[in-house]
C-alpha atoms as a PDB file:
ATOM      1  CA  UNK A   1       7.884 -20.004   9.421  1.00  0.00           C
ATOM      2  CA  UNK A   2       5.189 -17.379   9.079  1.00  0.00           C
ATOM      3  CA  UNK A   3       6.331 -13.774   9.294  1.00  0.00           C
ATOM      4  CA  UNK A   4       3.149 -11.909  10.172  1.00  0.00           C
ATOM      5  CA  UNK A   5       0.915 -12.545  13.198  1.00  0.00           C
ATOM      6  CA  UNK A   6      -0.022 -16.183  13.771  1.00  0.00           C
ATOM      7  CA  UNK A   7      -3.744 -15.412  13.522  1.00  0.00           C
ATOM      8  CA  UNK A   8      -3.478 -13.154  10.468  1.00  0.00           C
ATOM      9  CA  UNK A   9      -6.063 -14.237   7.890  1.00  0.00           C
ATOM     10  CA  UNK A  10      -6.526 -12.982   4.344  1.00  0.00           C
ATOM     11  CA  UNK A  11      -8.769 -15.591   2.804  1.00  0.00           C
ATOM     12  CA  UNK A  12     -12.233 -15.693   1.259  1.00  0.00           C
ATOM     13  CA  UNK A  13     -13.835 -13.485   3.922  1.00  0.00           C
ATOM     14  CA  UNK A  14     -11.262 -10.725   3.334  1.00  0.00           C
ATOM     15  CA  UNK A  15     -11.882 -10.912  -0.421  1.00  0.00           C
ATOM     16  CA  UNK A  16     -15.632 -10.660   0.217  1.00  0.00           C
ATOM     17  CA  UNK A  17     -15.190  -7.518   2.349  1.00  0.00           C
ATOM     18  CA  UNK A  18     -12.877  -6.023  -0.252  1.00  0.00           C
ATOM     19  CA  UNK A  19     -15.333  -6.674  -3.086  1.00  0.00           C
ATOM     20  CA  UNK A  20     -18.214  -5.199  -1.088  1.00  0.00           C
ATOM     21  CA  UNK A  21     -16.595  -2.090   0.400  1.00  0.00           C
ATOM     22  CA  UNK A  22     -13.517  -1.460  -1.734  1.00  0.00           C
ATOM     23  CA  UNK A  23     -11.236  -2.095   1.237  1.00  0.00           C
ATOM     24  CA  UNK A  24     -10.638  -4.554   4.056  1.00  0.00           C
ATOM     25  CA  UNK A  25      -8.869  -4.216   7.402  1.00  0.00           C
ATOM     26  CA  UNK A  26      -6.637  -6.855   8.979  1.00  0.00           C
ATOM     27  CA  UNK A  27      -7.053  -6.496  12.736  1.00  0.00           C
ATOM     28  CA  UNK A  28      -4.231  -8.929  13.440  1.00  0.00           C
ATOM     29  CA  UNK A  29      -1.277  -8.238  11.165  1.00  0.00           C
ATOM     30  CA  UNK A  30       2.148  -7.443  12.658  1.00  0.00           C
ATOM     31  CA  UNK A  31       3.914  -9.278  15.452  1.00  0.00           C
ATOM     32  CA  UNK A  32       4.869  -6.969  18.381  1.00  0.00           C
ATOM     33  CA  UNK A  33       8.625  -7.320  17.787  1.00  0.00           C
ATOM     34  CA  UNK A  34       8.173  -6.685  14.059  1.00  0.00           C
ATOM     35  CA  UNK A  35       6.195  -3.528  14.864  1.00  0.00           C
ATOM     36  CA  UNK A  36       9.031  -2.220  17.043  1.00  0.00           C
ATOM     37  CA  UNK A  37      11.603  -3.011  14.339  1.00  0.00           C
ATOM     38  CA  UNK A  38       9.516  -1.160  11.760  1.00  0.00           C
ATOM     39  CA  UNK A  39       9.235   1.861  14.040  1.00  0.00           C
ATOM     40  CA  UNK A  40      13.002   1.864  14.542  1.00  0.00           C
ATOM     41  CA  UNK A  41      13.725   1.721  10.810  1.00  0.00           C
ATOM     42  CA  UNK A  42      11.069   4.347  10.120  1.00  0.00           C
ATOM     43  CA  UNK A  43      12.558   6.765  12.662  1.00  0.00           C
ATOM     44  CA  UNK A  44      16.079   6.181  11.376  1.00  0.00           C
ATOM     45  CA  UNK A  45      15.040   7.005   7.821  1.00  0.00           C
ATOM     46  CA  UNK A  46      12.975  10.074   8.742  1.00  0.00           C
ATOM     47  CA  UNK A  47      15.617  11.490  11.101  1.00  0.00           C
ATOM     48  CA  UNK A  48      17.635  12.955   8.231  1.00  0.00           C
ATOM     49  CA  UNK A  49      14.524  14.699   6.892  1.00  0.00           C
ATOM     50  CA  UNK A  50      13.609  16.507  10.111  1.00  0.00           C
ATOM     51  CA  UNK A  51      15.775  19.534   9.313  1.00  0.00           C
ATOM     52  CA  UNK A  52      13.649  20.183   6.214  1.00  0.00           C
ATOM     53  CA  UNK A  53      10.435  19.485   8.148  1.00  0.00           C
ATOM     54  CA  UNK A  54       9.580  16.676   5.733  1.00  0.00           C
ATOM     55  CA  UNK A  55       7.053  14.024   6.738  1.00  0.00           C
ATOM     56  CA  UNK A  56       7.451  11.584   3.835  1.00  0.00           C
ATOM     57  CA  UNK A  57      10.143   9.285   2.496  1.00  0.00           C
ATOM     58  CA  UNK A  58       9.220   8.107  -0.993  1.00  0.00           C
ATOM     59  CA  UNK A  59      10.896   5.470  -3.099  1.00  0.00           C
ATOM     60  CA  UNK A  60      12.883   3.582  -0.459  1.00  0.00           C
ATOM     61  CA  UNK A  61      15.772   1.468  -1.778  1.00  0.00           C
ATOM     62  CA  UNK A  62      14.582  -2.124  -1.298  1.00  0.00           C
ATOM     63  CA  UNK A  63      18.137  -3.331  -0.624  1.00  0.00           C
ATOM     64  CA  UNK A  64      18.829  -0.829   2.174  1.00  0.00           C
ATOM     65  CA  UNK A  65      19.276  -2.279   5.657  1.00  0.00           C
ATOM     66  CA  UNK A  66      16.498  -0.011   6.904  1.00  0.00           C
ATOM     67  CA  UNK A  67      14.112  -1.469   4.300  1.00  0.00           C
ATOM     68  CA  UNK A  68      14.386  -5.046   5.595  1.00  0.00           C
ATOM     69  CA  UNK A  69      11.528  -4.910   8.147  1.00  0.00           C
ATOM     70  CA  UNK A  70       9.232  -3.386   5.514  1.00  0.00           C
ATOM     71  CA  UNK A  71      10.168  -5.961   2.880  1.00  0.00           C
ATOM     72  CA  UNK A  72       9.668  -8.759   5.411  1.00  0.00           C
ATOM     73  CA  UNK A  73       5.997  -7.753   5.547  1.00  0.00           C
ATOM     74  CA  UNK A  74       5.743  -8.624   1.843  1.00  0.00           C
ATOM     75  CA  UNK A  75       7.218 -12.109   2.218  1.00  0.00           C
ATOM     76  CA  UNK A  76       4.374 -13.791   4.123  1.00  0.00           C
ATOM     77  CA  UNK A  77       2.536 -16.071   1.698  1.00  0.00           C
ATOM     78  CA  UNK A  78      -0.861 -15.523   3.330  1.00  0.00           C
ATOM     79  CA  UNK A  79      -0.676 -11.857   2.360  1.00  0.00           C
ATOM     80  CA  UNK A  80       0.858 -12.624  -1.032  1.00  0.00           C
ATOM     81  CA  UNK A  81      -1.891 -15.123  -1.908  1.00  0.00           C
ATOM     82  CA  UNK A  82      -4.454 -12.384  -1.193  1.00  0.00           C
ATOM     83  CA  UNK A  83      -2.590  -9.816  -3.299  1.00  0.00           C
ATOM     84  CA  UNK A  84      -2.186 -12.274  -6.183  1.00  0.00           C
ATOM     85  CA  UNK A  85      -5.953 -12.882  -6.099  1.00  0.00           C
ATOM     86  CA  UNK A  86      -6.469  -9.161  -6.781  1.00  0.00           C
ATOM     87  CA  UNK A  87      -3.402  -8.194  -8.843  1.00  0.00           C
ATOM     88  CA  UNK A  88      -2.579 -11.409 -10.653  1.00  0.00           C
ATOM     89  CA  UNK A  89       0.902 -12.867 -11.089  1.00  0.00           C
ATOM     90  CA  UNK A  90       3.452 -11.515 -11.799  1.00  0.00           C
ATOM     91  CA  UNK A  91       2.637  -8.379  -9.826  1.00  0.00           C
ATOM     92  CA  UNK A  92       4.819  -5.346  -9.167  1.00  0.00           C
ATOM     93  CA  UNK A  93       5.446  -3.309  -6.033  1.00  0.00           C
ATOM     94  CA  UNK A  94       5.914   0.169  -7.489  1.00  0.00           C
ATOM     95  CA  UNK A  95       7.485   1.659  -4.390  1.00  0.00           C
ATOM     96  CA  UNK A  96       7.571   1.774  -0.618  1.00  0.00           C
ATOM     97  CA  UNK A  97       6.375   5.052   0.915  1.00  0.00           C
ATOM     98  CA  UNK A  98       6.777   6.185   4.535  1.00  0.00           C
ATOM     99  CA  UNK A  99       4.353   8.786   5.901  1.00  0.00           C
ATOM    100  CA  UNK A 100       4.515  10.636   9.201  1.00  0.00           C
ATOM    101  CA  UNK A 101       2.068  13.179  10.585  1.00  0.00           C
ATOM    102  CA  UNK A 102       3.448  14.990  13.587  1.00  0.00           C
ATOM    103  CA  UNK A 103       1.169  16.684  16.137  1.00  0.00           C
ATOM    104  CA  UNK A 104      -0.516  19.668  14.511  1.00  0.00           C
ATOM    105  CA  UNK A 105       0.411  18.597  10.969  1.00  0.00           C
ATOM    106  CA  UNK A 106      -1.811  20.256   8.371  1.00  0.00           C
ATOM    107  CA  UNK A 107      -0.678  17.922   5.600  1.00  0.00           C
ATOM    108  CA  UNK A 108      -4.104  17.001   4.226  1.00  0.00           C
ATOM    109  CA  UNK A 109      -5.118  15.287   0.989  1.00  0.00           C
ATOM    110  CA  UNK A 110      -8.655  16.020  -0.326  1.00  0.00           C
ATOM    111  CA  UNK A 111     -11.077  13.392  -1.609  1.00  0.00           C
ATOM    112  CA  UNK A 112      -9.540  11.486  -4.511  1.00  0.00           C
ATOM    113  CA  UNK A 113      -9.207   8.224  -6.370  1.00  0.00           C
ATOM    114  CA  UNK A 114      -5.769   6.788  -7.153  1.00  0.00           C
ATOM    115  CA  UNK A 115      -5.668   6.859 -10.956  1.00  0.00           C
ATOM    116  CA  UNK A 116      -1.881   7.157 -11.118  1.00  0.00           C
ATOM    117  CA  UNK A 117      -1.125   3.933 -12.987  1.00  0.00           C
ATOM    118  CA  UNK A 118      -1.010   4.887 -16.683  1.00  0.00           C
ATOM    119  CA  UNK A 119       2.801   5.115 -16.566  1.00  0.00           C
ATOM    120  CA  UNK A 120       2.973   1.432 -15.604  1.00  0.00           C
ATOM    121  CA  UNK A 121       0.548   0.331 -18.300  1.00  0.00           C
ATOM    122  CA  UNK A 122      -2.737   0.199 -16.393  1.00  0.00           C
ATOM    123  CA  UNK A 123      -5.685   2.405 -17.319  1.00  0.00           C
ATOM    124  CA  UNK A 124      -9.128   2.544 -15.753  1.00  0.00           C
ATOM    125  CA  UNK A 125     -12.322   2.639 -17.797  1.00  0.00           C
ATOM    126  CA  UNK A 126     -15.818   3.206 -16.448  1.00  0.00           C
ATOM    127  CA  UNK A 127     -16.893  -0.179 -17.821  1.00  0.00           C
ATOM    128  CA  UNK A 128     -13.998  -2.085 -16.251  1.00  0.00           C
ATOM    129  CA  UNK A 129     -14.564  -0.355 -12.915  1.00  0.00           C
ATOM    130  CA  UNK A 130     -18.277  -1.191 -12.933  1.00  0.00           C
ATOM    131  CA  UNK A 131     -17.545  -4.854 -13.661  1.00  0.00           C
ATOM    132  CA  UNK A 132     -14.843  -4.924 -10.950  1.00  0.00           C
ATOM    133  CA  UNK A 133     -12.497  -6.571 -13.423  1.00  0.00           C
ATOM    134  CA  UNK A 134      -9.370  -8.258 -12.133  1.00  0.00           C
ATOM    135  CA  UNK A 135      -6.447  -7.952 -12.083  1.00  0.00           C
ATOM    136  CA  UNK A 136      -6.218  -4.371 -10.861  1.00  0.00           C
ATOM    137  CA  UNK A 137      -3.918  -2.284  -8.619  1.00  0.00           C
ATOM    138  CA  UNK A 138      -4.258  -2.189  -4.831  1.00  0.00           C
ATOM    139  CA  UNK A 139      -2.614  -0.314  -1.969  1.00  0.00           C
ATOM    140  CA  UNK A 140      -1.363  -1.932   1.243  1.00  0.00           C
ATOM    141  CA  UNK A 141      -1.450   0.530   4.178  1.00  0.00           C
ATOM    142  CA  UNK A 142       0.180  -0.413   7.518  1.00  0.00           C
ATOM    143  CA  UNK A 143      -0.202   1.600  10.737  1.00  0.00           C
ATOM    144  CA  UNK A 144       2.769   1.946  13.086  1.00  0.00           C
ATOM    145  CA  UNK A 145       0.792   4.247  15.399  1.00  0.00           C
ATOM    146  CA  UNK A 146      -2.933   4.696  15.924  1.00  0.00           C
ATOM    147  CA  UNK A 147      -4.474   5.994  12.690  1.00  0.00           C
ATOM    148  CA  UNK A 148      -7.819   7.712  13.212  1.00  0.00           C
ATOM    149  CA  UNK A 149      -9.515  11.002  12.366  1.00  0.00           C
ATOM    150  CA  UNK A 150      -7.789  12.844  15.214  1.00  0.00           C
ATOM    151  CA  UNK A 151      -4.268  11.691  14.300  1.00  0.00           C
ATOM    152  CA  UNK A 152      -4.606  12.511  10.607  1.00  0.00           C
ATOM    153  CA  UNK A 153      -5.792   9.155   9.347  1.00  0.00           C
ATOM    154  CA  UNK A 154      -8.024   8.478   6.366  1.00  0.00           C
ATOM    155  CA  UNK A 155     -11.714   8.369   5.602  1.00  0.00           C
ATOM    156  CA  UNK A 156     -13.209   6.073   2.960  1.00  0.00           C
ATOM    157  CA  UNK A 157     -16.518   5.935   1.113  1.00  0.00           C
ATOM    158  CA  UNK A 158     -17.490   2.237   1.040  1.00  0.00           C
ATOM    159  CA  UNK A 159     -18.888   0.730  -2.124  1.00  0.00           C
ATOM    160  CA  UNK A 160     -17.923   3.521  -4.527  1.00  0.00           C
ATOM    161  CA  UNK A 161     -14.965   1.648  -6.046  1.00  0.00           C
ATOM    162  CA  UNK A 162     -17.042   0.607  -9.060  1.00  0.00           C
ATOM    163  CA  UNK A 163     -17.361   4.202 -10.248  1.00  0.00           C
ATOM    164  CA  UNK A 164     -14.731   6.222 -12.070  1.00  0.00           C
ATOM    165  CA  UNK A 165     -15.154   9.617 -10.386  1.00  0.00           C
ATOM    166  CA  UNK A 166     -11.750  11.104 -11.215  1.00  0.00           C
ATOM    167  CA  UNK A 167      -8.400  11.714  -9.549  1.00  0.00           C
ATOM    168  CA  UNK A 168      -9.884  14.689  -7.677  1.00  0.00           C
ATOM    169  CA  UNK A 169     -13.345  13.645  -6.515  1.00  0.00           C
ATOM    170  CA  UNK A 170     -15.930  16.475  -6.328  1.00  0.00           C
ATOM    171  CA  UNK A 171     -17.244  16.943  -2.805  1.00  0.00           C
ATOM    172  CA  UNK A 172     -20.809  16.711  -4.138  1.00  0.00           C
ATOM    173  CA  UNK A 173     -20.118  13.122  -5.170  1.00  0.00           C
ATOM    174  CA  UNK A 174     -19.239  12.286  -1.568  1.00  0.00           C
ATOM    175  CA  UNK A 175     -21.963  14.333   0.104  1.00  0.00           C
ATOM    176  CA  UNK A 176     -24.789  12.677  -1.830  1.00  0.00           C
ATOM    177  CA  UNK A 177     -25.575  10.390   1.086  1.00  0.00           C
ATOM    178  CA  UNK A 178     -29.188   9.965  -0.011  1.00  0.00           C
ATOM    179  CA  UNK A 179     -27.945   7.872  -2.919  1.00  0.00           C
ATOM    180  CA  UNK A 180     -24.751   6.461  -1.415  1.00  0.00           C
ATOM    181  CA  UNK A 181     -23.315   5.483   1.940  1.00  0.00           C
ATOM    182  CA  UNK A 182     -21.610   7.990   4.183  1.00  0.00           C
ATOM    183  CA  UNK A 183     -17.866   8.114   4.560  1.00  0.00           C
ATOM    184  CA  UNK A 184     -16.352   5.991   7.316  1.00  0.00           C
ATOM    185  CA  UNK A 185     -13.227   6.277   9.413  1.00  0.00           C
ATOM    186  CA  UNK A 186     -10.383   4.055   8.179  1.00  0.00           C
ATOM    187  CA  UNK A 187      -9.318   3.353  11.744  1.00  0.00           C
ATOM    188  CA  UNK A 188      -6.239   1.241  12.389  1.00  0.00           C
ATOM    189  CA  UNK A 189      -4.531   0.454  15.675  1.00  0.00           C
ATOM    190  CA  UNK A 190      -0.723   0.128  15.810  1.00  0.00           C
ATOM    191  CA  UNK A 191       0.297  -3.006  13.934  1.00  0.00           C
ATOM    192  CA  UNK A 192      -2.945  -3.314  11.986  1.00  0.00           C
ATOM    193  CA  UNK A 193      -3.172  -2.991   8.199  1.00  0.00           C
ATOM    194  CA  UNK A 194      -5.618  -2.479   5.386  1.00  0.00           C
ATOM    195  CA  UNK A 195      -5.769  -3.024   1.649  1.00  0.00           C
ATOM    196  CA  UNK A 196      -7.864  -0.649  -0.425  1.00  0.00           C
ATOM    197  CA  UNK A 197      -9.009  -0.440  -4.019  1.00  0.00           C
ATOM    198  CA  UNK A 198      -7.512   2.621  -5.762  1.00  0.00           C
ATOM    199  CA  UNK A 199     -10.975   3.787  -6.861  1.00  0.00           C
ATOM    200  CA  UNK A 200     -12.420   3.784  -3.345  1.00  0.00           C
ATOM    201  CA  UNK A 201     -12.799   7.536  -2.677  1.00  0.00           C
ATOM    202  CA  UNK A 202     -10.597   8.482   0.263  1.00  0.00           C
ATOM    203  CA  UNK A 203      -8.981  11.462   1.922  1.00  0.00           C
ATOM    204  CA  UNK A 204      -6.346  12.126   4.579  1.00  0.00           C
ATOM    205  CA  UNK A 205      -7.012  14.516   7.468  1.00  0.00           C
ATOM    206  CA  UNK A 206      -4.957  16.902   9.603  1.00  0.00           C
ATOM    207  CA  UNK A 207      -3.414  15.652  12.838  1.00  0.00           C
ATOM    208  CA  UNK A 208      -5.270  17.536  15.569  1.00  0.00           C
ATOM    209  CA  UNK A 209      -3.933  15.312  18.350  1.00  0.00           C
ATOM    210  CA  UNK A 210      -0.777  15.425  20.468  1.00  0.00           C
ATOM    211  CA  UNK A 211       0.370  12.080  19.050  1.00  0.00           C
ATOM    212  CA  UNK A 212       2.549  11.320  16.034  1.00  0.00           C
ATOM    213  CA  UNK A 213       1.048   9.074  13.367  1.00  0.00           C
ATOM    214  CA  UNK A 214       3.501   6.890  11.418  1.00  0.00           C
ATOM    215  CA  UNK A 215       2.488   4.552   8.612  1.00  0.00           C
ATOM    216  CA  UNK A 216       3.829   3.019   5.429  1.00  0.00           C
ATOM    217  CA  UNK A 217       2.218   1.934   2.214  1.00  0.00           C
ATOM    218  CA  UNK A 218       3.116  -0.146  -0.811  1.00  0.00           C
ATOM    219  CA  UNK A 219       1.460   0.447  -4.191  1.00  0.00           C
ATOM    220  CA  UNK A 220       0.992  -2.810  -6.109  1.00  0.00           C
ATOM    221  CA  UNK A 221       0.063  -3.116  -9.781  1.00  0.00           C
ATOM    222  CA  UNK A 222      -0.561  -5.957 -12.260  1.00  0.00           C
ATOM    223  CA  UNK A 223       2.005  -7.028 -14.830  1.00  0.00           C
ATOM    224  CA  UNK A 224       1.648  -5.305 -18.207  1.00  0.00           C
ATOM    225  CA  UNK A 225       3.478  -4.973 -21.549  1.00  0.00           C
ATOM    226  CA  UNK A 226       4.698  -1.566 -20.370  1.00  0.00           C
ATOM    227  CA  UNK A 227       6.228  -3.089 -17.252  1.00  0.00           C
ATOM    228  CA  UNK A 228       7.691  -5.967 -19.234  1.00  0.00           C
ATOM    229  CA  UNK A 229       9.517  -3.396 -21.355  1.00  0.00           C
ATOM    230  CA  UNK A 230      10.608  -1.302 -18.378  1.00  0.00           C
ATOM    231  CA  UNK A 231      11.816  -4.209 -16.248  1.00  0.00           C
ATOM    232  CA  UNK A 232      14.963  -4.643 -18.294  1.00  0.00           C
ATOM    233  CA  UNK A 233      17.049  -5.912 -15.376  1.00  0.00           C
ATOM    234  CA  UNK A 234      14.689  -8.657 -14.223  1.00  0.00           C
ATOM    235  CA  UNK A 235      16.807 -11.626 -13.179  1.00  0.00           C
ATOM    236  CA  UNK A 236      20.052  -9.758 -13.836  1.00  0.00           C
ATOM    237  CA  UNK A 237      20.376  -8.005 -10.481  1.00  0.00           C
ATOM    238  CA  UNK A 238      21.835 -10.582  -8.122  1.00  0.00           C
ATOM    239  CA  UNK A 239      19.327 -10.108  -5.315  1.00  0.00           C
ATOM    240  CA  UNK A 240      16.057 -11.799  -4.512  1.00  0.00           C
ATOM    241  CA  UNK A 241      13.728 -12.267  -1.552  1.00  0.00           C
ATOM    242  CA  UNK A 242      11.912 -15.588  -1.160  1.00  0.00           C
ATOM    243  CA  UNK A 243       8.438 -15.914   0.360  1.00  0.00           C
ATOM    244  CA  UNK A 244       7.701 -17.815   3.562  1.00  0.00           C
ATOM    245  CA  UNK A 245       6.930 -20.478   4.627  1.00  0.00           C
ATOM    246  CA  UNK A 246       7.076 -22.611   1.433  1.00  0.00           C
ATOM    247  CA  UNK A 247       9.155 -20.438  -0.893  1.00  0.00           C
ATOM    248  CA  UNK A 248       6.621 -20.563  -3.731  1.00  0.00           C
ATOM    249  CA  UNK A 249       7.103 -16.869  -4.623  1.00  0.00           C
ATOM    250  CA  UNK A 250      10.168 -14.707  -5.104  1.00  0.00           C
ATOM    251  CA  UNK A 251      10.633 -10.921  -5.279  1.00  0.00           C
ATOM    252  CA  UNK A 252      13.215  -9.748  -7.813  1.00  0.00           C
ATOM    253  CA  UNK A 253      14.308  -6.203  -8.765  1.00  0.00           C
ATOM    254  CA  UNK A 254      12.765  -5.250 -12.098  1.00  0.00           C
ATOM    255  CA  UNK A 255      15.257  -2.464 -12.732  1.00  0.00           C
ATOM    256  CA  UNK A 256      18.644  -1.520 -11.347  1.00  0.00           C
ATOM    257  CA  UNK A 257      16.964   1.543  -9.793  1.00  0.00           C
ATOM    258  CA  UNK A 258      15.007  -0.756  -7.469  1.00  0.00           C
ATOM    259  CA  UNK A 259      18.135  -1.337  -5.397  1.00  0.00           C
ATOM    260  CA  UNK A 260      20.284   1.670  -6.335  1.00  0.00           C
ATOM    261  CA  UNK A 261      21.774   3.759  -3.499  1.00  0.00           C
ATOM    262  CA  UNK A 262      20.845   7.015  -5.251  1.00  0.00           C
ATOM    263  CA  UNK A 263      17.392   8.509  -4.737  1.00  0.00           C
ATOM    264  CA  UNK A 264      14.660   7.253  -7.070  1.00  0.00           C
ATOM    265  CA  UNK A 265      10.875   7.413  -6.923  1.00  0.00           C
ATOM    266  CA  UNK A 266       9.679   4.262  -8.675  1.00  0.00           C
ATOM    267  CA  UNK A 267      11.599   1.173  -7.573  1.00  0.00           C
ATOM    268  CA  UNK A 268       9.943  -1.718  -9.368  1.00  0.00           C
ATOM    269  CA  UNK A 269      10.060  -4.981  -7.441  1.00  0.00           C
ATOM    270  CA  UNK A 270       8.497  -7.971  -9.222  1.00  0.00           C
ATOM    271  CA  UNK A 271       6.754 -10.896  -7.524  1.00  0.00           C
ATOM    272  CA  UNK A 272       6.793 -14.092  -9.588  1.00  0.00           C
ATOM    273  CA  UNK A 273       6.549 -17.837  -9.093  1.00  0.00           C
ATOM    274  CA  UNK A 274       9.798 -19.303  -7.868  1.00  0.00           C
ATOM    275  CA  UNK A 275      11.068 -21.722 -10.476  1.00  0.00           C
END
């Protein structure tokens, strides 16, 4: 059986859009029931954080009951084939992150590139970025509510993912529209998703609407000697999640922290061929 929407497609056309713009949007992604299950798990997890006025839940335990709908998203082989094309195999899901922006939230993130991967053995160079070398990290971003400028969604600058501008991107680099394209709204309806290149300049806006915006993301990175050394529990933790519909891939915890009940930020989950 397929787990995502019947008409979800992530083939050659999606790769072409990704290579051109540094991101691609999947207009048909979640099934309606799956979307409702994700919202329920999201709300259950964030409920305990309301007292502290927190809007994020980082490093979700993959083995938790509330993580199952999120992990199910990563078991559809149509999506996995697309991610393997970009990240290679094995690939690693660094962590699952839940983000909420309530009405009036001023939680904004300025223009930036995601150059966070040195601790997992991946480093960007200007030459590698310009050549668009693969494999490289990507981020899967799934909307549970409408994500647009008004609700605190993201903006992207298409085509700038072949430049190493820095973790904090100077506004002048974005505003130079005479030499580069303008920023665009990364607009997603509930149940839609996108995958973006970490070097595509992007920012997150304030929620000026009366609606809550819920979303989750998964940061995915290529296999590396650093990860091989860190994933000391690979195959030893007695849990695994098999892809659908053919079972050609399997997710396995890379470390005991991936499925530990205690809080942890990086919970390395490894996708590999199923032997």
